[in-house]
């Protein structure tokens, strides 16, 4: 949601906010350059 009148917002997000979302008032992006991704290991049959 947009920041309230007279206030600023810092949204701390995962890749969930990487696409298709418009957050009103956002004009600064700080990108860590990292993401947490699922990796499937066949030896254990676990992700």
ModelCIF file with pLDDT and N, C-alpha, C, O atoms, coordinates in Angstrom:
data_MODEL
#
_entry.id   MODEL 
#
_entity.id                         1 
_entity.type                       polymer 
_entity.pdbx_number_of_molecules   1 
#
_entity_poly.entity_id                      1 
_entity_poly.type                           'polypeptide(L)' 
_entity_poly.nstd_linkage                   no 
_entity_poly.nstd_monomer                   no 
_entity_poly.pdbx_seq_one_letter_code       
;(UNK)(UNK)(UNK)(UNK)(UNK)(UNK)(UNK)(UNK)(UNK)(UNK)(UNK)(UNK)(UNK)(UNK)(UNK)(UNK)
(UNK)(UNK)(UNK)(UNK)(UNK)(UNK)(UNK)(UNK)(UNK)(UNK)(UNK)(UNK)(UNK)(UNK)(UNK)(UNK)
(UNK)(UNK)(UNK)(UNK)(UNK)(UNK)(UNK)(UNK)(UNK)(UNK)(UNK)(UNK)(UNK)(UNK)(UNK)
;
_entity_poly.pdbx_seq_one_letter_code_can   XXXXXXXXXXXXXXXXXXXXXXXXXXXXXXXXXXXXXXXXXXXXXXX 
_entity_poly.pdbx_strand_id                 A 
#
loop_
_entity_poly_seq.entity_id 
_entity_poly_seq.num 
_entity_poly_seq.mon_id 
_entity_poly_seq.hetero 
1 1  UNK n 
1 2  UNK n 
1 3  UNK n 
1 4  UNK n 
1 5  UNK n 
1 6  UNK n 
1 7  UNK n 
1 8  UNK n 
1 9  UNK n 
1 10 UNK n 
1 11 UNK n 
1 12 UNK n 
1 13 UNK n 
1 14 UNK n 
1 15 UNK n 
1 16 UNK n 
1 17 UNK n 
1 18 UNK n 
1 19 UNK n 
1 20 UNK n 
1 21 UNK n 
1 22 UNK n 
1 23 UNK n 
1 24 UNK n 
1 25 UNK n 
1 26 UNK n 
1 27 UNK n 
1 28 UNK n 
1 29 UNK n 
1 30 UNK n 
1 31 UNK n 
1 32 UNK n 
1 33 UNK n 
1 34 UNK n 
1 35 UNK n 
1 36 UNK n 
1 37 UNK n 
1 38 UNK n 
1 39 UNK n 
1 40 UNK n 
1 41 UNK n 
1 42 UNK n 
1 43 UNK n 
1 44 UNK n 
1 45 UNK n 
1 46 UNK n 
1 47 UNK n 
#
_struct_asym.id          A 
_struct_asym.entity_id   1 
#
loop_
_ma_qa_metric.id 
_ma_qa_metric.mode 
_ma_qa_metric.name 
_ma_qa_metric.software_group_id 
_ma_qa_metric.type 
1 global pLDDT . pLDDT 
2 local  pLDDT . pLDDT 
#
_ma_qa_metric_global.metric_id      1 
_ma_qa_metric_global.metric_value   85.57 
_ma_qa_metric_global.model_id       1 
_ma_qa_metric_global.ordinal_id     1 
#
loop_
_ma_qa_metric_local.label_asym_id 
_ma_qa_metric_local.label_comp_id 
_ma_qa_metric_local.label_seq_id 
_ma_qa_metric_local.metric_id 
_ma_qa_metric_local.metric_value 
_ma_qa_metric_local.model_id 
_ma_qa_metric_local.ordinal_id 
A UNK 1  2 88.00 1 1  
A UNK 2  2 87.00 1 2  
A UNK 3  2 89.00 1 3  
A UNK 4  2 88.00 1 4  
A UNK 5  2 89.00 1 5  
A UNK 6  2 89.00 1 6  
A UNK 7  2 94.00 1 7  
A UNK 8  2 95.00 1 8  
A UNK 9  2 95.00 1 9  
A UNK 10 2 96.00 1 10 
A UNK 11 2 96.00 1 11 
A UNK 12 2 96.00 1 12 
A UNK 13 2 94.00 1 13 
A UNK 14 2 92.00 1 14 
A UNK 15 2 89.00 1 15 
A UNK 16 2 83.00 1 16 
A UNK 17 2 81.00 1 17 
A UNK 18 2 78.00 1 18 
A UNK 19 2 71.00 1 19 
A UNK 20 2 67.00 1 20 
A UNK 21 2 74.00 1 21 
A UNK 22 2 75.00 1 22 
A UNK 23 2 80.00 1 23 
A UNK 24 2 80.00 1 24 
A UNK 25 2 86.00 1 25 
A UNK 26 2 92.00 1 26 
A UNK 27 2 94.00 1 27 
A UNK 28 2 97.00 1 28 
A UNK 29 2 97.00 1 29 
A UNK 30 2 98.00 1 30 
A UNK 31 2 98.00 1 31 
A UNK 32 2 97.00 1 32 
A UNK 33 2 96.00 1 33 
A UNK 34 2 95.00 1 34 
A UNK 35 2 93.00 1 35 
A UNK 36 2 89.00 1 36 
A UNK 37 2 85.00 1 37 
A UNK 38 2 81.00 1 38 
A UNK 39 2 81.00 1 39 
A UNK 40 2 79.00 1 40 
A UNK 41 2 77.00 1 41 
A UNK 42 2 71.00 1 42 
A UNK 43 2 68.00 1 43 
A UNK 44 2 68.00 1 44 
A UNK 45 2 68.00 1 45 
A UNK 46 2 70.00 1 46 
A UNK 47 2 76.00 1 47 
#
loop_
_atom_site.group_PDB 
_atom_site.id 
_atom_site.type_symbol 
_atom_site.label_atom_id 
_atom_site.label_alt_id 
_atom_site.label_comp_id 
_atom_site.label_asym_id 
_atom_site.label_entity_id 
_atom_site.label_seq_id 
_atom_site.pdbx_PDB_ins_code 
_atom_site.Cartn_x 
_atom_site.Cartn_y 
_atom_site.Cartn_z 
_atom_site.occupancy 
_atom_site.B_iso_or_equiv 
_atom_site.pdbx_formal_charge 
_atom_site.auth_seq_id 
_atom_site.auth_comp_id 
_atom_site.auth_asym_id 
_atom_site.auth_atom_id 
_atom_site.pdbx_PDB_model_num 
ATOM 1   N N  . UNK A 1 1  ? 0.846  -1.198  0.000   1.00 88.00 ? 1  UNK A N  1 
ATOM 2   C CA . UNK A 1 1  ? 0.000  0.000   0.000   1.00 88.00 ? 1  UNK A CA 1 
ATOM 3   C C  . UNK A 1 1  ? 0.883  1.250   0.000   1.00 88.00 ? 1  UNK A C  1 
ATOM 4   O O  . UNK A 1 1  ? 2.011  1.199   0.488   1.00 88.00 ? 1  UNK A O  1 
ATOM 5   N N  . UNK A 1 2  ? 0.391  2.377   -0.539  1.00 87.00 ? 2  UNK A N  1 
ATOM 6   C CA . UNK A 1 2  ? 1.185  3.619   -0.536  1.00 87.00 ? 2  UNK A CA 1 
ATOM 7   C C  . UNK A 1 2  ? 1.517  4.056   0.884   1.00 87.00 ? 2  UNK A C  1 
ATOM 8   O O  . UNK A 1 2  ? 0.774  3.775   1.823   1.00 87.00 ? 2  UNK A O  1 
ATOM 9   N N  . UNK A 1 3  ? 2.633  4.741   1.025   1.00 89.00 ? 3  UNK A N  1 
ATOM 10  C CA . UNK A 1 3  ? 2.999  5.294   2.333   1.00 89.00 ? 3  UNK A CA 1 
ATOM 11  C C  . UNK A 1 3  ? 1.962  6.325   2.752   1.00 89.00 ? 3  UNK A C  1 
ATOM 12  O O  . UNK A 1 3  ? 1.380  7.012   1.914   1.00 89.00 ? 3  UNK A O  1 
ATOM 13  N N  . UNK A 1 4  ? 1.742  6.423   4.033   1.00 88.00 ? 4  UNK A N  1 
ATOM 14  C CA . UNK A 1 4  ? 0.794  7.414   4.532   1.00 88.00 ? 4  UNK A CA 1 
ATOM 15  C C  . UNK A 1 4  ? 1.297  8.828   4.273   1.00 88.00 ? 4  UNK A C  1 
ATOM 16  O O  . UNK A 1 4  ? 2.499  9.052   4.128   1.00 88.00 ? 4  UNK A O  1 
ATOM 17  N N  . UNK A 1 5  ? 0.386  9.762   4.219   1.00 89.00 ? 5  UNK A N  1 
ATOM 18  C CA . UNK A 1 5  ? 0.736  11.153  3.909   1.00 89.00 ? 5  UNK A CA 1 
ATOM 19  C C  . UNK A 1 5  ? 1.822  11.652  4.868   1.00 89.00 ? 5  UNK A C  1 
ATOM 20  O O  . UNK A 1 5  ? 1.725  11.482  6.083   1.00 89.00 ? 5  UNK A O  1 
ATOM 21  N N  . UNK A 1 6  ? 2.847  12.264  4.296   1.00 89.00 ? 6  UNK A N  1 
ATOM 22  C CA . UNK A 1 6  ? 3.917  12.819  5.102   1.00 89.00 ? 6  UNK A CA 1 
ATOM 23  C C  . UNK A 1 6  ? 4.912  11.808  5.622   1.00 89.00 ? 6  UNK A C  1 
ATOM 24  O O  . UNK A 1 6  ? 5.774  12.148  6.432   1.00 89.00 ? 6  UNK A O  1 
ATOM 25  N N  . UNK A 1 7  ? 4.806  10.555  5.167   1.00 94.00 ? 7  UNK A N  1 
ATOM 26  C CA . UNK A 1 7  ? 5.704  9.517   5.658   1.00 94.00 ? 7  UNK A CA 1 
ATOM 27  C C  . UNK A 1 7  ? 6.392  8.822   4.483   1.00 94.00 ? 7  UNK A C  1 
ATOM 28  O O  . UNK A 1 7  ? 5.950  8.912   3.337   1.00 94.00 ? 7  UNK A O  1 
ATOM 29  N N  . UNK A 1 8  ? 7.488  8.126   4.801   1.00 95.00 ? 8  UNK A N  1 
ATOM 30  C CA . UNK A 1 8  ? 8.200  7.312   3.827   1.00 95.00 ? 8  UNK A CA 1 
ATOM 31  C C  . UNK A 1 8  ? 8.090  5.858   4.246   1.00 95.00 ? 8  UNK A C  1 
ATOM 32  O O  . UNK A 1 8  ? 7.821  5.545   5.406   1.00 95.00 ? 8  UNK A O  1 
ATOM 33  N N  . UNK A 1 9  ? 8.304  4.977   3.279   1.00 95.00 ? 9  UNK A N  1 
ATOM 34  C CA . UNK A 1 9  ? 8.225  3.550   3.562   1.00 95.00 ? 9  UNK A CA 1 
ATOM 35  C C  . UNK A 1 9  ? 9.465  2.874   3.016   1.00 95.00 ? 9  UNK A C  1 
ATOM 36  O O  . UNK A 1 9  ? 9.947  3.205   1.933   1.00 95.00 ? 9  UNK A O  1 
ATOM 37  N N  . UNK A 1 10 ? 9.979  1.914   3.789   1.00 96.00 ? 10 UNK A N  1 
ATOM 38  C CA . UNK A 1 10 ? 11.064 1.050   3.325   1.00 96.00 ? 10 UNK A CA 1 
ATOM 39  C C  . UNK A 1 10 ? 10.515 -0.368  3.297   1.00 96.00 ? 10 UNK A C  1 
ATOM 40  O O  . UNK A 1 10 ? 10.296 -0.974  4.346   1.00 96.00 ? 10 UNK A O  1 
ATOM 41  N N  . UNK A 1 11 ? 10.293 -0.895  2.104   1.00 96.00 ? 11 UNK A N  1 
ATOM 42  C CA . UNK A 1 11 ? 9.764  -2.246  1.930   1.00 96.00 ? 11 UNK A CA 1 
ATOM 43  C C  . UNK A 1 11 ? 10.934 -3.206  1.790   1.00 96.00 ? 11 UNK A C  1 
ATOM 44  O O  . UNK A 1 11 ? 11.761 -3.057  0.890   1.00 96.00 ? 11 UNK A O  1 
ATOM 45  N N  . UNK A 1 12 ? 11.004 -4.186  2.674   1.00 96.00 ? 12 UNK A N  1 
ATOM 46  C CA . UNK A 1 12 ? 12.074 -5.191  2.659   1.00 96.00 ? 12 UNK A CA 1 
ATOM 47  C C  . UNK A 1 12 ? 11.494 -6.470  2.079   1.00 96.00 ? 12 UNK A C  1 
ATOM 48  O O  . UNK A 1 12 ? 10.653 -7.112  2.709   1.00 96.00 ? 12 UNK A O  1 
ATOM 49  N N  . UNK A 1 13 ? 11.934 -6.846  0.884   1.00 94.00 ? 13 UNK A N  1 
ATOM 50  C CA . UNK A 1 13 ? 11.248 -7.915  0.156   1.00 94.00 ? 13 UNK A CA 1 
ATOM 51  C C  . UNK A 1 13 ? 12.207 -8.971  -0.375  1.00 94.00 ? 13 UNK A C  1 
ATOM 52  O O  . UNK A 1 13 ? 13.398 -8.727  -0.567  1.00 94.00 ? 13 UNK A O  1 
ATOM 53  N N  . UNK A 1 14 ? 11.646 -10.148 -0.604  1.00 92.00 ? 14 UNK A N  1 
ATOM 54  C CA . UNK A 1 14 ? 12.325 -11.216 -1.331  1.00 92.00 ? 14 UNK A CA 1 
ATOM 55  C C  . UNK A 1 14 ? 12.001 -11.035 -2.813  1.00 92.00 ? 14 UNK A C  1 
ATOM 56  O O  . UNK A 1 14 ? 11.538 -9.967  -3.216  1.00 92.00 ? 14 UNK A O  1 
ATOM 57  N N  . UNK A 1 15 ? 12.235 -12.054 -3.618  1.00 89.00 ? 15 UNK A N  1 
ATOM 58  C CA . UNK A 1 15 ? 11.905 -11.984 -5.046  1.00 89.00 ? 15 UNK A CA 1 
ATOM 59  C C  . UNK A 1 15 ? 10.411 -11.844 -5.275  1.00 89.00 ? 15 UNK A C  1 
ATOM 60  O O  . UNK A 1 15 ? 9.984  -11.636 -6.411  1.00 89.00 ? 15 UNK A O  1 
ATOM 61  N N  . UNK A 1 16 ? 9.606  -11.953 -4.232  1.00 83.00 ? 16 UNK A N  1 
ATOM 62  C CA . UNK A 1 16 ? 8.159  -11.813 -4.351  1.00 83.00 ? 16 UNK A CA 1 
ATOM 63  C C  . UNK A 1 16 ? 7.784  -10.469 -4.970  1.00 83.00 ? 16 UNK A C  1 
ATOM 64  O O  . UNK A 1 16 ? 6.737  -10.355 -5.607  1.00 83.00 ? 16 UNK A O  1 
ATOM 65  N N  . UNK A 1 17 ? 8.637  -9.437  -4.787  1.00 81.00 ? 17 UNK A N  1 
ATOM 66  C CA . UNK A 1 17 ? 8.346  -8.093  -5.301  1.00 81.00 ? 17 UNK A CA 1 
ATOM 67  C C  . UNK A 1 17 ? 9.116  -7.790  -6.578  1.00 81.00 ? 17 UNK A C  1 
ATOM 68  O O  . UNK A 1 17 ? 9.166  -6.639  -7.011  1.00 81.00 ? 17 UNK A O  1 
ATOM 69  N N  . UNK A 1 18 ? 9.717  -8.808  -7.186  1.00 78.00 ? 18 UNK A N  1 
ATOM 70  C CA . UNK A 1 18 ? 10.587 -8.578  -8.335  1.00 78.00 ? 18 UNK A CA 1 
ATOM 71  C C  . UNK A 1 18 ? 9.807  -8.253  -9.594  1.00 78.00 ? 18 UNK A C  1 
ATOM 72  O O  . UNK A 1 18 ? 10.294 -7.514  -10.449 1.00 78.00 ? 18 UNK A O  1 
ATOM 73  N N  . UNK A 1 19 ? 8.602  -8.795  -9.720  1.00 71.00 ? 19 UNK A N  1 
ATOM 74  C CA . UNK A 1 19 ? 7.843  -8.612  -10.944 1.00 71.00 ? 19 UNK A CA 1 
ATOM 75  C C  . UNK A 1 19 ? 6.387  -8.304  -10.635 1.00 71.00 ? 19 UNK A C  1 
ATOM 76  O O  . UNK A 1 19 ? 5.860  -8.687  -9.590  1.00 71.00 ? 19 UNK A O  1 
ATOM 77  N N  . UNK A 1 20 ? 5.750  -7.607  -11.565 1.00 67.00 ? 20 UNK A N  1 
ATOM 78  C CA . UNK A 1 20 ? 4.295  -7.401  -11.605 1.00 67.00 ? 20 UNK A CA 1 
ATOM 79  C C  . UNK A 1 20 ? 3.719  -6.563  -10.487 1.00 67.00 ? 20 UNK A C  1 
ATOM 80  O O  . UNK A 1 20 ? 2.505  -6.362  -10.452 1.00 67.00 ? 20 UNK A O  1 
ATOM 81  N N  . UNK A 1 21 ? 4.522  -6.069  -9.579  1.00 74.00 ? 21 UNK A N  1 
ATOM 82  C CA . UNK A 1 21 ? 3.988  -5.270  -8.479  1.00 74.00 ? 21 UNK A CA 1 
ATOM 83  C C  . UNK A 1 21 ? 4.387  -3.808  -8.637  1.00 74.00 ? 21 UNK A C  1 
ATOM 84  O O  . UNK A 1 21 ? 5.545  -3.492  -8.908  1.00 74.00 ? 21 UNK A O  1 
ATOM 85  N N  . UNK A 1 22 ? 3.420  -2.934  -8.466  1.00 75.00 ? 22 UNK A N  1 
ATOM 86  C CA . UNK A 1 22 ? 3.702  -1.509  -8.410  1.00 75.00 ? 22 UNK A CA 1 
ATOM 87  C C  . UNK A 1 22 ? 3.382  -1.027  -7.005  1.00 75.00 ? 22 UNK A C  1 
ATOM 88  O O  . UNK A 1 22 ? 2.232  -1.098  -6.571  1.00 75.00 ? 22 UNK A O  1 
ATOM 89  N N  . UNK A 1 23 ? 4.383  -0.541  -6.295  1.00 80.00 ? 23 UNK A N  1 
ATOM 90  C CA . UNK A 1 23 ? 4.193  -0.005  -4.958  1.00 80.00 ? 23 UNK A CA 1 
ATOM 91  C C  . UNK A 1 23 ? 4.303  1.512   -5.074  1.00 80.00 ? 23 UNK A C  1 
ATOM 92  O O  . UNK A 1 23 ? 5.383  2.046   -5.325  1.00 80.00 ? 23 UNK A O  1 
ATOM 93  N N  . UNK A 1 24 ? 3.203  2.188   -4.893  1.00 80.00 ? 24 UNK A N  1 
ATOM 94  C CA . UNK A 1 24 ? 3.178  3.633   -5.067  1.00 80.00 ? 24 UNK A CA 1 
ATOM 95  C C  . UNK A 1 24 ? 4.219  4.318   -4.180  1.00 80.00 ? 24 UNK A C  1 
ATOM 96  O O  . UNK A 1 24 ? 4.384  3.967   -3.012  1.00 80.00 ? 24 UNK A O  1 
ATOM 97  N N  . UNK A 1 25 ? 4.918  5.300   -4.757  1.00 86.00 ? 25 UNK A N  1 
ATOM 98  C CA . UNK A 1 25 ? 5.884  6.083   -3.996  1.00 86.00 ? 25 UNK A CA 1 
ATOM 99  C C  . UNK A 1 25 ? 7.285  5.530   -4.001  1.00 86.00 ? 25 UNK A C  1 
ATOM 100 O O  . UNK A 1 25 ? 8.212  6.199   -3.543  1.00 86.00 ? 25 UNK A O  1 
ATOM 101 N N  . UNK A 1 26 ? 7.468  4.302   -4.516  1.00 92.00 ? 26 UNK A N  1 
ATOM 102 C CA . UNK A 1 26 ? 8.809  3.710   -4.554  1.00 92.00 ? 26 UNK A CA 1 
ATOM 103 C C  . UNK A 1 26 ? 9.618  4.344   -5.684  1.00 92.00 ? 26 UNK A C  1 
ATOM 104 O O  . UNK A 1 26 ? 9.233  4.253   -6.849  1.00 92.00 ? 26 UNK A O  1 
ATOM 105 N N  . UNK A 1 27 ? 10.716 4.973   -5.351  1.00 94.00 ? 27 UNK A N  1 
ATOM 106 C CA . UNK A 1 27 ? 11.639 5.495   -6.362  1.00 94.00 ? 27 UNK A CA 1 
ATOM 107 C C  . UNK A 1 27 ? 13.087 5.148   -6.030  1.00 94.00 ? 27 UNK A C  1 
ATOM 108 O O  . UNK A 1 27 ? 14.012 5.574   -6.720  1.00 94.00 ? 27 UNK A O  1 
ATOM 109 N N  . UNK A 1 28 ? 13.270 4.371   -4.966  1.00 97.00 ? 28 UNK A N  1 
ATOM 110 C CA . UNK A 1 28 ? 14.609 3.911   -4.582  1.00 97.00 ? 28 UNK A CA 1 
ATOM 111 C C  . UNK A 1 28 ? 14.581 2.378   -4.512  1.00 97.00 ? 28 UNK A C  1 
ATOM 112 O O  . UNK A 1 28 ? 13.703 1.797   -3.874  1.00 97.00 ? 28 UNK A O  1 
ATOM 113 N N  . UNK A 1 29 ? 15.527 1.746   -5.158  1.00 97.00 ? 29 UNK A N  1 
ATOM 114 C CA . UNK A 1 29 ? 15.704 0.294   -5.033  1.00 97.00 ? 29 UNK A CA 1 
ATOM 115 C C  . UNK A 1 29 ? 17.104 0.031   -4.505  1.00 97.00 ? 29 UNK A C  1 
ATOM 116 O O  . UNK A 1 29 ? 18.078 0.596   -5.002  1.00 97.00 ? 29 UNK A O  1 
ATOM 117 N N  . UNK A 1 30 ? 17.201 -0.820  -3.505  1.00 98.00 ? 30 UNK A N  1 
ATOM 118 C CA . UNK A 1 30 ? 18.490 -1.303  -3.008  1.00 98.00 ? 30 UNK A CA 1 
ATOM 119 C C  . UNK A 1 30 ? 18.516 -2.810  -3.256  1.00 98.00 ? 30 UNK A C  1 
ATOM 120 O O  . UNK A 1 30 ? 17.727 -3.555  -2.676  1.00 98.00 ? 30 UNK A O  1 
ATOM 121 N N  . UNK A 1 31 ? 19.417 -3.247  -4.111  1.00 98.00 ? 31 UNK A N  1 
ATOM 122 C CA . UNK A 1 31 ? 19.454 -4.642  -4.552  1.00 98.00 ? 31 UNK A CA 1 
ATOM 123 C C  . UNK A 1 31 ? 20.682 -5.348  -3.991  1.00 98.00 ? 31 UNK A C  1 
ATOM 124 O O  . UNK A 1 31 ? 21.815 -5.000  -4.324  1.00 98.00 ? 31 UNK A O  1 
ATOM 125 N N  . UNK A 1 32 ? 20.452 -6.335  -3.143  1.00 97.00 ? 32 UNK A N  1 
ATOM 126 C CA . UNK A 1 32 ? 21.555 -7.118  -2.579  1.00 97.00 ? 32 UNK A CA 1 
ATOM 127 C C  . UNK A 1 32 ? 22.224 -8.002  -3.618  1.00 97.00 ? 32 UNK A C  1 
ATOM 128 O O  . UNK A 1 32 ? 23.359 -8.441  -3.432  1.00 97.00 ? 32 UNK A O  1 
ATOM 129 N N  . UNK A 1 33 ? 21.506 -8.268  -4.735  1.00 96.00 ? 33 UNK A N  1 
ATOM 130 C CA . UNK A 1 33 ? 22.061 -9.140  -5.763  1.00 96.00 ? 33 UNK A CA 1 
ATOM 131 C C  . UNK A 1 33 ? 21.976 -10.612 -5.426  1.00 96.00 ? 33 UNK A C  1 
ATOM 132 O O  . UNK A 1 33 ? 22.614 -11.445 -6.070  1.00 96.00 ? 33 UNK A O  1 
ATOM 133 N N  . UNK A 1 34 ? 21.177 -10.932 -4.405  1.00 95.00 ? 34 UNK A N  1 
ATOM 134 C CA . UNK A 1 34 ? 21.063 -12.320 -3.946  1.00 95.00 ? 34 UNK A CA 1 
ATOM 135 C C  . UNK A 1 34 ? 19.606 -12.774 -3.948  1.00 95.00 ? 34 UNK A C  1 
ATOM 136 O O  . UNK A 1 34 ? 18.685 -11.965 -3.841  1.00 95.00 ? 34 UNK A O  1 
ATOM 137 N N  . UNK A 1 35 ? 19.422 -14.074 -4.072  1.00 93.00 ? 35 UNK A N  1 
ATOM 138 C CA . UNK A 1 35 ? 18.087 -14.668 -3.991  1.00 93.00 ? 35 UNK A CA 1 
ATOM 139 C C  . UNK A 1 35 ? 18.211 -16.051 -3.393  1.00 93.00 ? 35 UNK A C  1 
ATOM 140 O O  . UNK A 1 35 ? 19.239 -16.711 -3.542  1.00 93.00 ? 35 UNK A O  1 
ATOM 141 N N  . UNK A 1 36 ? 17.167 -16.486 -2.718  1.00 89.00 ? 36 UNK A N  1 
ATOM 142 C CA . UNK A 1 36 ? 17.145 -17.841 -2.174  1.00 89.00 ? 36 UNK A CA 1 
ATOM 143 C C  . UNK A 1 36 ? 16.303 -18.705 -3.100  1.00 89.00 ? 36 UNK A C  1 
ATOM 144 O O  . UNK A 1 36 ? 15.114 -18.453 -3.299  1.00 89.00 ? 36 UNK A O  1 
ATOM 145 N N  . UNK A 1 37 ? 16.939 -19.726 -3.661  1.00 85.00 ? 37 UNK A N  1 
ATOM 146 C CA . UNK A 1 37 ? 16.273 -20.543 -4.672  1.00 85.00 ? 37 UNK A CA 1 
ATOM 147 C C  . UNK A 1 37 ? 16.205 -22.001 -4.219  1.00 85.00 ? 37 UNK A C  1 
ATOM 148 O O  . UNK A 1 37 ? 17.096 -22.473 -3.512  1.00 85.00 ? 37 UNK A O  1 
ATOM 149 N N  . UNK A 1 38 ? 15.152 -22.716 -4.623  1.00 81.00 ? 38 UNK A N  1 
ATOM 150 C CA . UNK A 1 38 ? 15.058 -24.130 -4.288  1.00 81.00 ? 38 UNK A CA 1 
ATOM 151 C C  . UNK A 1 38 ? 16.009 -24.957 -5.133  1.00 81.00 ? 38 UNK A C  1 
ATOM 152 O O  . UNK A 1 38 ? 16.107 -24.761 -6.345  1.00 81.00 ? 38 UNK A O  1 
ATOM 153 N N  . UNK A 1 39 ? 16.705 -25.878 -4.496  1.00 81.00 ? 39 UNK A N  1 
ATOM 154 C CA . UNK A 1 39 ? 17.644 -26.761 -5.192  1.00 81.00 ? 39 UNK A CA 1 
ATOM 155 C C  . UNK A 1 39 ? 17.281 -28.200 -4.848  1.00 81.00 ? 39 UNK A C  1 
ATOM 156 O O  . UNK A 1 39 ? 17.283 -28.589 -3.680  1.00 81.00 ? 39 UNK A O  1 
ATOM 157 N N  . UNK A 1 40 ? 16.975 -28.967 -5.856  1.00 79.00 ? 40 UNK A N  1 
ATOM 158 C CA . UNK A 1 40 ? 16.589 -30.369 -5.652  1.00 79.00 ? 40 UNK A CA 1 
ATOM 159 C C  . UNK A 1 40 ? 17.829 -31.249 -5.654  1.00 79.00 ? 40 UNK A C  1 
ATOM 160 O O  . UNK A 1 40 ? 18.658 -31.174 -6.560  1.00 79.00 ? 40 UNK A O  1 
ATOM 161 N N  . UNK A 1 41 ? 17.945 -32.089 -4.623  1.00 77.00 ? 41 UNK A N  1 
ATOM 162 C CA . UNK A 1 41 ? 19.065 -33.016 -4.513  1.00 77.00 ? 41 UNK A CA 1 
ATOM 163 C C  . UNK A 1 41 ? 18.551 -34.438 -4.735  1.00 77.00 ? 41 UNK A C  1 
ATOM 164 O O  . UNK A 1 41 ? 17.839 -34.999 -3.902  1.00 77.00 ? 41 UNK A O  1 
ATOM 165 N N  . UNK A 1 42 ? 18.924 -34.995 -5.863  1.00 71.00 ? 42 UNK A N  1 
ATOM 166 C CA . UNK A 1 42 ? 18.427 -36.319 -6.223  1.00 71.00 ? 42 UNK A CA 1 
ATOM 167 C C  . UNK A 1 42 ? 18.846 -37.391 -5.220  1.00 71.00 ? 42 UNK A C  1 
ATOM 168 O O  . UNK A 1 42 ? 18.108 -38.348 -4.986  1.00 71.00 ? 42 UNK A O  1 
ATOM 169 N N  . UNK A 1 43 ? 20.029 -37.231 -4.629  1.00 68.00 ? 43 UNK A N  1 
ATOM 170 C CA . UNK A 1 43 ? 20.539 -38.252 -3.712  1.00 68.00 ? 43 UNK A CA 1 
ATOM 171 C C  . UNK A 1 43 ? 19.654 -38.410 -2.479  1.00 68.00 ? 43 UNK A C  1 
ATOM 172 O O  . UNK A 1 43 ? 19.525 -39.507 -1.936  1.00 68.00 ? 43 UNK A O  1 
ATOM 173 N N  . UNK A 1 44 ? 19.046 -37.307 -2.038  1.00 68.00 ? 44 UNK A N  1 
ATOM 174 C CA . UNK A 1 44 ? 18.194 -37.358 -0.838  1.00 68.00 ? 44 UNK A CA 1 
ATOM 175 C C  . UNK A 1 44 ? 16.710 -37.233 -1.166  1.00 68.00 ? 44 UNK A C  1 
ATOM 176 O O  . UNK A 1 44 ? 15.859 -37.398 -0.292  1.00 68.00 ? 44 UNK A O  1 
ATOM 177 N N  . UNK A 1 45 ? 16.400 -36.937 -2.445  1.00 68.00 ? 45 UNK A N  1 
ATOM 178 C CA . UNK A 1 45 ? 15.014 -36.706 -2.883  1.00 68.00 ? 45 UNK A CA 1 
ATOM 179 C C  . UNK A 1 45 ? 14.373 -35.548 -2.125  1.00 68.00 ? 45 UNK A C  1 
ATOM 180 O O  . UNK A 1 45 ? 13.160 -35.520 -1.921  1.00 68.00 ? 45 UNK A O  1 
ATOM 181 N N  . UNK A 1 46 ? 15.207 -34.594 -1.710  1.00 70.00 ? 46 UNK A N  1 
ATOM 182 C CA . UNK A 1 46 ? 14.710 -33.436 -0.967  1.00 70.00 ? 46 UNK A CA 1 
ATOM 183 C C  . UNK A 1 46 ? 15.086 -32.148 -1.702  1.00 70.00 ? 46 UNK A C  1 
ATOM 184 O O  . UNK A 1 46 ? 16.085 -32.086 -2.418  1.00 70.00 ? 46 UNK A O  1 
ATOM 185 N N  . UNK A 1 47 ? 14.260 -31.133 -1.503  1.00 76.00 ? 47 UNK A N  1 
ATOM 186 C CA . UNK A 1 47 ? 14.536 -29.818 -2.054  1.00 76.00 ? 47 UNK A CA 1 
ATOM 187 C C  . UNK A 1 47 ? 14.942 -28.890 -0.912  1.00 76.00 ? 47 UNK A C  1 
ATOM 188 O O  . UNK A 1 47 ? 15.225 -27.714 -1.142  1.00 76.00 ? 47 UNK A O  1 
#
